[in-house]
Amino acid sequence: MRRVALVALVLFAGVAAAQRRVRVLVPETAVAPGVPAAEQNADFPVRVHLLTARWGGLSGAYHGYGSGNLLDAKGEQGFDYGFECSAPFVANQSADETYQARWKGAFKLEILTAEVGREQPREHACTLRLAMRERPFEPEDTAALSHGVSSSLRKRWQDPDFAFEAPRQDYPIQFHVVDGERQEDMEGDHGSGTANLTEAGPQGPVHGAEYRYTCWYGFLLNTQISGFYQGRWITPGSELEVLLQRPGSDKVDRCKVEVDMKLQPYAENRRTVARASESAGPEMARPQ
């Protein structure tokens, strides 16, 4: 009898432990992304219009990136951004819709969002780490974000870099990324894709290129269809170095990129934001 009781106790303990393990492995429920807060808040006097927003994660830990315009008395100024916050948010759905915001530093902007479906919406604040652009974003010149972000934070999250735009005469190559994918791990960022490359200024011949890289700071496709990364040859025809803008600071990063040159350029096959807006939604993005 004593042996039976002992066996039963061991089995119960095993089942309880298994149940505990199952509970640990069940992911938290993802929350709906926030929208612009309707209540006017005097502490958030700045207005921004977000054209794109891409995010992934689970309840309490979300991260992503996108593009937008800062609106003030001087006019519009474009920016790319990365973020990691307790709640995600969507891009503005109409041309006259904005988020309330306030500065948190020279390259950081905090926006105010509200939860959907509440009688008295609960508000959240999220800090965007900015990389300022030389010109504002226009819907017809803004690329839809075809690649998303990791759906969880089991792996380290690092904001992607964007194109550094201040003119550099020693980086004469215009490297326009048409499409690509980015992955990250503890060894750094890894990417590959297709691009077009111009060496002799905007009027020079354009060649296609397949590219791949491994750098500590990885980068995305060009967020403006007319944009490009500035580069220079390390090994002519096979390896170049591009300049990257790290969001949230004025830090300039460099990344060595291997290229396989093609005679013909790649066609711009990405939809613009204006044409993609109908199909945009808050679904979880696939790993980038």
C-alpha atoms as a PDB file:
ATOM      1  CA  MET A   1       0.000   0.000   0.000  1.00  0.00           C
ATOM      2  CA  ARG A   2       2.841   2.278   0.909  1.00  0.00           C
ATOM      3  CA  ARG A   3       4.495   1.514  -2.473  1.00  0.00           C
ATOM      4  CA  VAL A   4       1.268   2.332  -4.360  1.00  0.00           C
ATOM      5  CA  ALA A   5       0.985   5.637  -2.533  1.00  0.00           C
ATOM      6  CA  LEU A   6       4.612   6.465  -3.363  1.00  0.00           C
ATOM      7  CA  VAL A   7       4.102   5.667  -7.059  1.00  0.00           C
ATOM      8  CA  ALA A   8       0.944   7.803  -7.114  1.00  0.00           C
ATOM      9  CA  LEU A   9       2.814  10.682  -5.483  1.00  0.00           C
ATOM     10  CA  VAL A  10       5.635  10.469  -8.062  1.00  0.00           C
ATOM     11  CA  LEU A  11       3.131  10.377 -10.949  1.00  0.00           C
ATOM     12  CA  PHE A  12       1.230  13.364  -9.534  1.00  0.00           C
ATOM     13  CA  ALA A  13       4.447  15.316  -9.131  1.00  0.00           C
ATOM     14  CA  GLY A  14       5.432  14.506 -12.726  1.00  0.00           C
ATOM     15  CA  VAL A  15       2.049  15.613 -14.056  1.00  0.00           C
ATOM     16  CA  ALA A  16       2.162  18.816 -11.989  1.00  0.00           C
ATOM     17  CA  ALA A  17       5.670  19.587 -13.266  1.00  0.00           C
ATOM     18  CA  ALA A  18       4.576  18.940 -16.845  1.00  0.00           C
ATOM     19  CA  GLN A  19       1.605  21.250 -16.341  1.00  0.00           C
ATOM     20  CA  ARG A  20       3.901  23.931 -14.985  1.00  0.00           C
ATOM     21  CA  ARG A  21       6.164  23.533 -18.028  1.00  0.00           C
ATOM     22  CA  VAL A  22       3.187  23.788 -20.366  1.00  0.00           C
ATOM     23  CA  ARG A  23       2.041  26.981 -18.697  1.00  0.00           C
ATOM     24  CA  VAL A  24       5.480  28.498 -19.105  1.00  0.00           C
ATOM     25  CA  LEU A  25       5.559  27.631 -22.815  1.00  0.00           C
ATOM     26  CA  VAL A  26       2.128  29.090 -23.618  1.00  0.00           C
ATOM     27  CA  PRO A  27       2.762  32.544 -25.123  1.00  0.00           C
ATOM     28  CA  GLU A  28       1.067  35.640 -23.860  1.00  0.00           C
ATOM     29  CA  THR A  29      -1.796  37.046 -25.895  1.00  0.00           C
ATOM     30  CA  ALA A  30      -0.847  39.751 -28.348  1.00  0.00           C
ATOM     31  CA  VAL A  31      -2.681  43.052 -27.885  1.00  0.00           C
ATOM     32  CA  ALA A  32      -4.293  45.177 -30.581  1.00  0.00           C
ATOM     33  CA  PRO A  33      -2.089  48.057 -31.768  1.00  0.00           C
ATOM     34  CA  GLY A  34      -2.853  51.549 -30.509  1.00  0.00           C
ATOM     35  CA  VAL A  35      -4.171  54.529 -32.463  1.00  0.00           C
ATOM     36  CA  PRO A  36      -3.684  58.310 -32.078  1.00  0.00           C
ATOM     37  CA  ALA A  37      -5.050  59.602 -28.756  1.00  0.00           C
ATOM     38  CA  ALA A  38      -8.185  61.716 -29.279  1.00  0.00           C
ATOM     39  CA  GLU A  39      -7.921  63.755 -26.056  1.00  0.00           C
ATOM     40  CA  GLN A  40      -5.684  66.793 -26.498  1.00  0.00           C
ATOM     41  CA  ASN A  41      -2.728  66.698 -24.102  1.00  0.00           C
ATOM     42  CA  ALA A  42      -0.826  69.941 -23.535  1.00  0.00           C
ATOM     43  CA  ASP A  43       2.287  67.972 -22.538  1.00  0.00           C
ATOM     44  CA  PHE A  44       2.521  66.631 -26.113  1.00  0.00           C
ATOM     45  CA  PRO A  45       2.593  69.797 -28.305  1.00  0.00           C
ATOM     46  CA  VAL A  46       4.421  68.308 -31.311  1.00  0.00           C
ATOM     47  CA  ARG A  47       2.535  66.676 -34.197  1.00  0.00           C
ATOM     48  CA  VAL A  48       3.859  63.820 -36.336  1.00  0.00           C
ATOM     49  CA  HIS A  49       2.335  61.909 -39.242  1.00  0.00           C
ATOM     50  CA  LEU A  50       3.441  58.276 -39.479  1.00  0.00           C
ATOM     51  CA  LEU A  51       3.313  56.867 -43.014  1.00  0.00           C
ATOM     52  CA  THR A  52       4.503  53.369 -42.114  1.00  0.00           C
ATOM     53  CA  ALA A  53       4.704  51.272 -38.938  1.00  0.00           C
ATOM     54  CA  ARG A  54       5.920  47.678 -38.734  1.00  0.00           C
ATOM     55  CA  TRP A  55       6.036  45.749 -35.459  1.00  0.00           C
ATOM     56  CA  GLY A  56       6.249  42.367 -33.775  1.00  0.00           C
ATOM     57  CA  GLY A  57       6.314  40.996 -30.236  1.00  0.00           C
ATOM     58  CA  LEU A  58       4.083  39.801 -27.417  1.00  0.00           C
ATOM     59  CA  SER A  59       2.067  41.513 -24.706  1.00  0.00           C
ATOM     60  CA  GLY A  60       4.288  43.922 -22.791  1.00  0.00           C
ATOM     61  CA  ALA A  61       7.237  43.898 -25.223  1.00  0.00           C
ATOM     62  CA  TYR A  62       6.878  45.173 -28.792  1.00  0.00           C
ATOM     63  CA  HIS A  63       9.440  46.489 -31.244  1.00  0.00           C
ATOM     64  CA  GLY A  64       9.468  47.774 -34.802  1.00  0.00           C
ATOM     65  CA  TYR A  65      10.288  50.576 -37.200  1.00  0.00           C
ATOM     66  CA  GLY A  66       8.778  52.876 -39.830  1.00  0.00           C
ATOM     67  CA  SER A  67       8.819  56.314 -41.448  1.00  0.00           C
ATOM     68  CA  GLY A  68       7.025  59.599 -40.838  1.00  0.00           C
ATOM     69  CA  ASN A  69       7.010  63.370 -41.052  1.00  0.00           C
ATOM     70  CA  LEU A  70       7.499  65.936 -38.305  1.00  0.00           C
ATOM     71  CA  LEU A  71       4.975  68.779 -38.675  1.00  0.00           C
ATOM     72  CA  ASP A  72       5.784  72.266 -37.363  1.00  0.00           C
ATOM     73  CA  ALA A  73       5.661  75.923 -38.357  1.00  0.00           C
ATOM     74  CA  LYS A  74       8.737  75.492 -40.578  1.00  0.00           C
ATOM     75  CA  GLY A  75       7.042  72.804 -42.656  1.00  0.00           C
ATOM     76  CA  GLU A  76       7.499  69.037 -42.828  1.00  0.00           C
ATOM     77  CA  GLN A  77      10.680  67.084 -42.112  1.00  0.00           C
ATOM     78  CA  GLY A  78      10.954  63.368 -42.752  1.00  0.00           C
ATOM     79  CA  PHE A  79      12.372  60.765 -40.396  1.00  0.00           C
ATOM     80  CA  ASP A  80      12.854  57.022 -40.091  1.00  0.00           C
ATOM     81  CA  TYR A  81      12.418  55.485 -36.649  1.00  0.00           C
ATOM     82  CA  GLY A  82      12.855  52.388 -34.536  1.00  0.00           C
ATOM     83  CA  PHE A  83      11.155  51.592 -31.226  1.00  0.00           C
ATOM     84  CA  GLU A  84      10.720  49.102 -28.394  1.00  0.00           C
ATOM     85  CA  CYS A  85       7.654  49.755 -26.217  1.00  0.00           C
ATOM     86  CA  SER A  86       4.976  48.114 -24.075  1.00  0.00           C
ATOM     87  CA  ALA A  87       2.328  48.462 -26.812  1.00  0.00           C
ATOM     88  CA  PRO A  88       2.466  48.652 -30.633  1.00  0.00           C
ATOM     89  CA  PHE A  89       0.717  51.213 -32.815  1.00  0.00           C
ATOM     90  CA  VAL A  90      -0.484  51.661 -36.401  1.00  0.00           C
ATOM     91  CA  ALA A  91       0.458  54.218 -39.035  1.00  0.00           C
ATOM     92  CA  ASN A  92      -1.873  57.181 -39.519  1.00  0.00           C
ATOM     93  CA  GLN A  93      -4.843  56.145 -41.640  1.00  0.00           C
ATOM     94  CA  SER A  94      -5.572  59.472 -43.346  1.00  0.00           C
ATOM     95  CA  ALA A  95      -3.501  62.358 -44.674  1.00  0.00           C
ATOM     96  CA  ASP A  96      -4.715  64.812 -41.991  1.00  0.00           C
ATOM     97  CA  GLU A  97      -4.389  62.434 -39.015  1.00  0.00           C
ATOM     98  CA  THR A  98      -1.446  62.868 -36.619  1.00  0.00           C
ATOM     99  CA  TYR A  99       0.008  61.603 -33.354  1.00  0.00           C
ATOM    100  CA  GLN A 100       0.628  63.954 -30.447  1.00  0.00           C
ATOM    101  CA  ALA A 101       4.295  63.929 -29.478  1.00  0.00           C
ATOM    102  CA  ARG A 102       7.019  65.589 -27.426  1.00  0.00           C
ATOM    103  CA  TRP A 103      10.798  65.657 -27.630  1.00  0.00           C
ATOM    104  CA  LYS A 104      12.804  63.417 -25.278  1.00  0.00           C
ATOM    105  CA  GLY A 105      16.177  64.447 -26.680  1.00  0.00           C
ATOM    106  CA  ALA A 106      17.756  65.567 -29.942  1.00  0.00           C
ATOM    107  CA  PHE A 107      16.938  62.289 -31.706  1.00  0.00           C
ATOM    108  CA  LYS A 108      14.090  60.861 -29.616  1.00  0.00           C
ATOM    109  CA  LEU A 109      10.394  61.640 -29.886  1.00  0.00           C
ATOM    110  CA  GLU A 110       7.696  60.287 -27.568  1.00  0.00           C
ATOM    111  CA  ILE A 111       4.249  59.746 -29.119  1.00  0.00           C
ATOM    112  CA  LEU A 112       0.899  59.346 -27.342  1.00  0.00           C
ATOM    113  CA  THR A 113      -1.290  56.374 -28.336  1.00  0.00           C
ATOM    114  CA  ALA A 114      -4.662  55.090 -27.133  1.00  0.00           C
ATOM    115  CA  GLU A 115      -6.076  51.568 -26.837  1.00  0.00           C
ATOM    116  CA  VAL A 116      -8.942  50.669 -29.153  1.00  0.00           C
ATOM    117  CA  GLY A 117     -12.378  49.626 -27.866  1.00  0.00           C
ATOM    118  CA  ARG A 118     -12.409  51.363 -24.485  1.00  0.00           C
ATOM    119  CA  GLU A 119     -15.028  53.874 -23.391  1.00  0.00           C
ATOM    120  CA  GLN A 120     -12.287  55.881 -21.720  1.00  0.00           C
ATOM    121  CA  PRO A 121      -9.205  54.909 -23.741  1.00  0.00           C
ATOM    122  CA  ARG A 122      -6.115  53.934 -21.803  1.00  0.00           C
ATOM    123  CA  GLU A 123      -3.156  55.912 -23.114  1.00  0.00           C
ATOM    124  CA  HIS A 124       0.398  54.763 -23.714  1.00  0.00           C
ATOM    125  CA  ALA A 125       3.560  56.687 -24.506  1.00  0.00           C
ATOM    126  CA  CYS A 126       6.196  55.227 -26.814  1.00  0.00           C
ATOM    127  CA  THR A 127       9.618  56.693 -27.591  1.00  0.00           C
ATOM    128  CA  LEU A 128      10.695  56.666 -31.235  1.00  0.00           C
ATOM    129  CA  ARG A 129      14.428  56.678 -31.972  1.00  0.00           C
ATOM    130  CA  LEU A 130      14.844  58.917 -35.020  1.00  0.00           C
ATOM    131  CA  ALA A 131      17.080  59.170 -38.062  1.00  0.00           C
ATOM    132  CA  MET A 132      16.220  62.500 -39.662  1.00  0.00           C
ATOM    133  CA  ARG A 133      15.768  62.767 -43.446  1.00  0.00           C
ATOM    134  CA  GLU A 134      16.773  65.663 -45.697  1.00  0.00           C
ATOM    135  CA  ARG A 135      13.285  65.824 -47.242  1.00  0.00           C
ATOM    136  CA  PRO A 136       9.787  64.832 -46.102  1.00  0.00           C
ATOM    137  CA  PHE A 137       8.170  61.556 -47.078  1.00  0.00           C
ATOM    138  CA  GLU A 138       5.567  61.601 -49.841  1.00  0.00           C
ATOM    139  CA  PRO A 139       3.159  58.660 -50.274  1.00  0.00           C
ATOM    140  CA  GLU A 140       4.178  58.143 -53.910  1.00  0.00           C
ATOM    141  CA  ASP A 141       7.881  57.995 -52.938  1.00  0.00           C
ATOM    142  CA  THR A 142       7.510  55.871 -49.792  1.00  0.00           C
ATOM    143  CA  ALA A 143       8.177  52.152 -49.956  1.00  0.00           C
ATOM    144  CA  ALA A 144       5.758  49.720 -48.346  1.00  0.00           C
ATOM    145  CA  LEU A 145       7.540  47.656 -45.678  1.00  0.00           C
ATOM    146  CA  SER A 146       7.608  44.216 -47.229  1.00  0.00           C
ATOM    147  CA  HIS A 147       9.700  42.628 -44.465  1.00  0.00           C
ATOM    148  CA  GLY A 148       8.717  42.564 -40.840  1.00  0.00           C
ATOM    149  CA  VAL A 149      10.319  41.996 -37.470  1.00  0.00           C
ATOM    150  CA  SER A 150      10.712  39.098 -35.062  1.00  0.00           C
ATOM    151  CA  SER A 151       7.410  38.062 -33.474  1.00  0.00           C
ATOM    152  CA  SER A 152       8.969  37.667 -30.020  1.00  0.00           C
ATOM    153  CA  LEU A 153      11.804  38.971 -27.878  1.00  0.00           C
ATOM    154  CA  ARG A 154      13.426  35.572 -27.327  1.00  0.00           C
ATOM    155  CA  LYS A 155      16.222  36.939 -29.501  1.00  0.00           C
ATOM    156  CA  ARG A 156      17.906  40.263 -28.958  1.00  0.00           C
ATOM    157  CA  TRP A 157      16.214  43.217 -30.678  1.00  0.00           C
ATOM    158  CA  GLN A 158      18.231  45.912 -32.352  1.00  0.00           C
ATOM    159  CA  ASP A 159      16.883  48.822 -34.393  1.00  0.00           C
ATOM    160  CA  PRO A 160      17.819  48.602 -38.083  1.00  0.00           C
ATOM    161  CA  ASP A 161      20.021  51.332 -39.502  1.00  0.00           C
ATOM    162  CA  PHE A 162      18.870  53.616 -42.303  1.00  0.00           C
ATOM    163  CA  ALA A 163      20.599  55.495 -45.134  1.00  0.00           C
ATOM    164  CA  PHE A 164      23.014  58.235 -44.039  1.00  0.00           C
ATOM    165  CA  GLU A 165      22.114  61.250 -46.178  1.00  0.00           C
ATOM    166  CA  ALA A 166      24.636  64.035 -45.429  1.00  0.00           C
ATOM    167  CA  PRO A 167      26.739  64.309 -48.629  1.00  0.00           C
ATOM    168  CA  ARG A 168      30.101  62.525 -48.501  1.00  0.00           C
ATOM    169  CA  GLN A 169      32.357  63.090 -51.512  1.00  0.00           C
ATOM    170  CA  ASP A 170      34.537  60.112 -50.550  1.00  0.00           C
ATOM    171  CA  TYR A 171      31.502  57.787 -50.867  1.00  0.00           C
ATOM    172  CA  PRO A 172      30.492  58.455 -54.507  1.00  0.00           C
ATOM    173  CA  ILE A 173      28.503  55.268 -55.200  1.00  0.00           C
ATOM    174  CA  GLN A 174      24.713  55.363 -55.010  1.00  0.00           C
ATOM    175  CA  PHE A 175      23.583  51.972 -53.697  1.00  0.00           C
ATOM    176  CA  HIS A 176      19.784  51.710 -53.912  1.00  0.00           C
ATOM    177  CA  VAL A 177      18.392  48.635 -52.115  1.00  0.00           C
ATOM    178  CA  VAL A 178      15.398  47.333 -54.076  1.00  0.00           C
ATOM    179  CA  ASP A 179      14.539  44.461 -51.761  1.00  0.00           C
ATOM    180  CA  GLY A 180      16.088  42.264 -49.113  1.00  0.00           C
ATOM    181  CA  GLU A 181      15.862  40.436 -45.820  1.00  0.00           C
ATOM    182  CA  ARG A 182      17.542  41.039 -42.489  1.00  0.00           C
ATOM    183  CA  GLN A 183      18.143  38.608 -39.624  1.00  0.00           C
ATOM    184  CA  GLU A 184      19.901  39.157 -36.319  1.00  0.00           C
ATOM    185  CA  ASP A 185      21.540  37.018 -33.670  1.00  0.00           C
ATOM    186  CA  MET A 186      24.192  37.409 -31.004  1.00  0.00           C
ATOM    187  CA  GLU A 187      26.892  37.565 -33.701  1.00  0.00           C
ATOM    188  CA  GLY A 188      25.386  40.622 -35.403  1.00  0.00           C
ATOM    189  CA  ASP A 189      23.081  41.332 -38.330  1.00  0.00           C
ATOM    190  CA  HIS A 190      22.971  39.337 -41.551  1.00  0.00           C
ATOM    191  CA  GLY A 191      21.253  40.456 -44.733  1.00  0.00           C
ATOM    192  CA  SER A 192      20.908  39.765 -48.439  1.00  0.00           C
ATOM    193  CA  GLY A 193      18.847  40.982 -51.363  1.00  0.00           C
ATOM    194  CA  THR A 194      18.904  42.930 -54.613  1.00  0.00           C
ATOM    195  CA  ALA A 195      20.019  46.477 -55.344  1.00  0.00           C
ATOM    196  CA  ASN A 196      20.899  48.922 -58.118  1.00  0.00           C
ATOM    197  CA  LEU A 197      24.274  50.619 -58.179  1.00  0.00           C
ATOM    198  CA  THR A 198      25.327  53.893 -59.838  1.00  0.00           C
ATOM    199  CA  GLU A 199      28.986  54.965 -59.833  1.00  0.00           C
ATOM    200  CA  ALA A 200      29.224  58.151 -61.904  1.00  0.00           C
ATOM    201  CA  GLY A 201      26.542  60.289 -60.278  1.00  0.00           C
ATOM    202  CA  PRO A 202      22.785  60.269 -60.905  1.00  0.00           C
ATOM    203  CA  GLN A 203      23.238  60.374 -64.701  1.00  0.00           C
ATOM    204  CA  GLY A 204      25.682  57.456 -64.816  1.00  0.00           C
ATOM    205  CA  PRO A 205      24.895  53.897 -65.922  1.00  0.00           C
ATOM    206  CA  VAL A 206      22.864  51.784 -63.482  1.00  0.00           C
ATOM    207  CA  HIS A 207      23.809  48.169 -62.793  1.00  0.00           C
ATOM    208  CA  GLY A 208      21.967  45.558 -60.798  1.00  0.00           C
ATOM    209  CA  ALA A 209      23.601  43.715 -57.905  1.00  0.00           C
ATOM    210  CA  GLU A 210      22.833  40.852 -55.562  1.00  0.00           C
ATOM    211  CA  TYR A 211      24.212  41.700 -52.117  1.00  0.00           C
ATOM    212  CA  ARG A 212      24.906  40.098 -48.759  1.00  0.00           C
ATOM    213  CA  TYR A 213      26.453  41.341 -45.538  1.00  0.00           C
ATOM    214  CA  THR A 214      27.248  40.529 -41.926  1.00  0.00           C
ATOM    215  CA  CYS A 215      27.617  43.658 -39.778  1.00  0.00           C
ATOM    216  CA  TRP A 216      27.004  44.631 -36.183  1.00  0.00           C
ATOM    217  CA  TYR A 217      24.378  47.113 -37.381  1.00  0.00           C
ATOM    218  CA  GLY A 218      22.274  45.874 -40.272  1.00  0.00           C
ATOM    219  CA  PHE A 219      20.128  47.905 -42.651  1.00  0.00           C
ATOM    220  CA  LEU A 220      16.831  47.851 -44.511  1.00  0.00           C
ATOM    221  CA  LEU A 221      15.703  48.455 -48.062  1.00  0.00           C
ATOM    222  CA  ASN A 222      15.598  52.160 -48.920  1.00  0.00           C
ATOM    223  CA  THR A 223      12.480  53.640 -47.331  1.00  0.00           C
ATOM    224  CA  GLN A 224      12.209  56.280 -50.065  1.00  0.00           C
ATOM    225  CA  ILE A 225      12.013  54.819 -53.553  1.00  0.00           C
ATOM    226  CA  SER A 226      14.261  57.609 -54.848  1.00  0.00           C
ATOM    227  CA  GLY A 227      16.725  57.142 -51.957  1.00  0.00           C
ATOM    228  CA  PHE A 228      20.088  55.358 -51.781  1.00  0.00           C
ATOM    229  CA  TYR A 229      22.951  54.416 -49.474  1.00  0.00           C
ATOM    230  CA  GLN A 230      26.271  56.194 -50.052  1.00  0.00           C
ATOM    231  CA  GLY A 231      29.087  53.763 -50.725  1.00  0.00           C
ATOM    232  CA  ARG A 232      32.667  53.332 -51.917  1.00  0.00           C
ATOM    233  CA  TRP A 233      34.589  50.383 -53.333  1.00  0.00           C
ATOM    234  CA  ILE A 234      36.816  48.312 -51.074  1.00  0.00           C
ATOM    235  CA  THR A 235      37.408  45.752 -53.823  1.00  0.00           C
ATOM    236  CA  PRO A 236      36.131  47.159 -57.144  1.00  0.00           C
ATOM    237  CA  GLY A 237      33.254  45.135 -58.516  1.00  0.00           C
ATOM    238  CA  SER A 238      32.872  42.794 -55.535  1.00  0.00           C
ATOM    239  CA  GLU A 239      32.940  44.547 -52.119  1.00  0.00           C
ATOM    240  CA  LEU A 240      31.868  48.011 -51.062  1.00  0.00           C
ATOM    241  CA  GLU A 241      31.376  49.943 -47.833  1.00  0.00           C
ATOM    242  CA  VAL A 242      28.109  51.808 -47.191  1.00  0.00           C
ATOM    243  CA  LEU A 243      27.273  54.557 -44.702  1.00  0.00           C
ATOM    244  CA  LEU A 244      24.421  53.942 -42.241  1.00  0.00           C
ATOM    245  CA  GLN A 245      22.492  56.257 -39.910  1.00  0.00           C
ATOM    246  CA  ARG A 246      21.852  54.813 -36.452  1.00  0.00           C
ATOM    247  CA  PRO A 247      18.394  55.883 -35.194  1.00  0.00           C
ATOM    248  CA  GLY A 248      18.305  57.695 -31.859  1.00  0.00           C
ATOM    249  CA  SER A 249      21.677  59.423 -32.287  1.00  0.00           C
ATOM    250  CA  ASP A 250      23.937  61.147 -34.811  1.00  0.00           C
ATOM    251  CA  LYS A 251      26.163  58.062 -34.947  1.00  0.00           C
ATOM    252  CA  VAL A 252      27.293  56.981 -38.416  1.00  0.00           C
ATOM    253  CA  ASP A 253      27.914  53.257 -38.909  1.00  0.00           C
ATOM    254  CA  ARG A 254      29.733  51.513 -41.759  1.00  0.00           C
ATOM    255  CA  CYS A 255      28.977  48.128 -43.244  1.00  0.00           C
ATOM    256  CA  LYS A 256      30.973  46.070 -45.754  1.00  0.00           C
ATOM    257  CA  VAL A 257      28.722  44.575 -48.417  1.00  0.00           C
ATOM    258  CA  GLU A 258      29.610  41.809 -50.878  1.00  0.00           C
ATOM    259  CA  VAL A 259      28.036  42.287 -54.305  1.00  0.00           C
ATOM    260  CA  ASP A 260      27.553  40.123 -57.377  1.00  0.00           C
ATOM    261  CA  MET A 261      27.217  42.625 -60.215  1.00  0.00           C
ATOM    262  CA  LYS A 262      24.595  42.265 -62.976  1.00  0.00           C
ATOM    263  CA  LEU A 263      24.441  44.014 -66.336  1.00  0.00           C
ATOM    264  CA  GLN A 264      20.782  44.960 -66.042  1.00  0.00           C
ATOM    265  CA  PRO A 265      19.242  46.933 -63.116  1.00  0.00           C
ATOM    266  CA  TYR A 266      16.445  45.465 -61.038  1.00  0.00           C
ATOM    267  CA  ALA A 267      12.921  46.804 -61.530  1.00  0.00           C
ATOM    268  CA  GLU A 268      11.338  48.651 -58.623  1.00  0.00           C
ATOM    269  CA  ASN A 269       8.788  46.020 -57.598  1.00  0.00           C
ATOM    270  CA  ARG A 270       7.581  47.439 -54.297  1.00  0.00           C
ATOM    271  CA  ARG A 271       4.163  48.975 -53.896  1.00  0.00           C
ATOM    272  CA  THR A 272       4.045  52.493 -52.522  1.00  0.00           C
ATOM    273  CA  VAL A 273       2.248  53.329 -49.293  1.00  0.00           C
ATOM    274  CA  ALA A 274      -0.573  54.954 -51.241  1.00  0.00           C
ATOM    275  CA  ARG A 275      -1.320  51.730 -53.121  1.00  0.00           C
ATOM    276  CA  ALA A 276      -0.607  49.431 -50.183  1.00  0.00           C
ATOM    277  CA  SER A 277      -2.735  51.195 -47.567  1.00  0.00           C
ATOM    278  CA  GLU A 278      -5.859  49.147 -48.276  1.00  0.00           C
ATOM    279  CA  SER A 279      -4.119  45.879 -47.487  1.00  0.00           C
ATOM    280  CA  ALA A 280      -2.085  47.150 -44.516  1.00  0.00           C
ATOM    281  CA  GLY A 281      -3.071  45.618 -41.200  1.00  0.00           C
ATOM    282  CA  PRO A 282      -1.875  44.865 -37.666  1.00  0.00           C
ATOM    283  CA  GLU A 283      -1.027  41.205 -38.308  1.00  0.00           C
ATOM    284  CA  MET A 284       2.114  39.814 -36.755  1.00  0.00           C
ATOM    285  CA  ALA A 285       5.078  40.218 -39.076  1.00  0.00           C
ATOM    286  CA  ARG A 286       7.238  37.326 -40.187  1.00  0.00           C
ATOM    287  CA  PRO A 287      10.873  37.283 -39.007  1.00  0.00           C
ATOM    288  CA  GLN A 288      13.162  39.643 -40.839  1.00  0.00           C
END
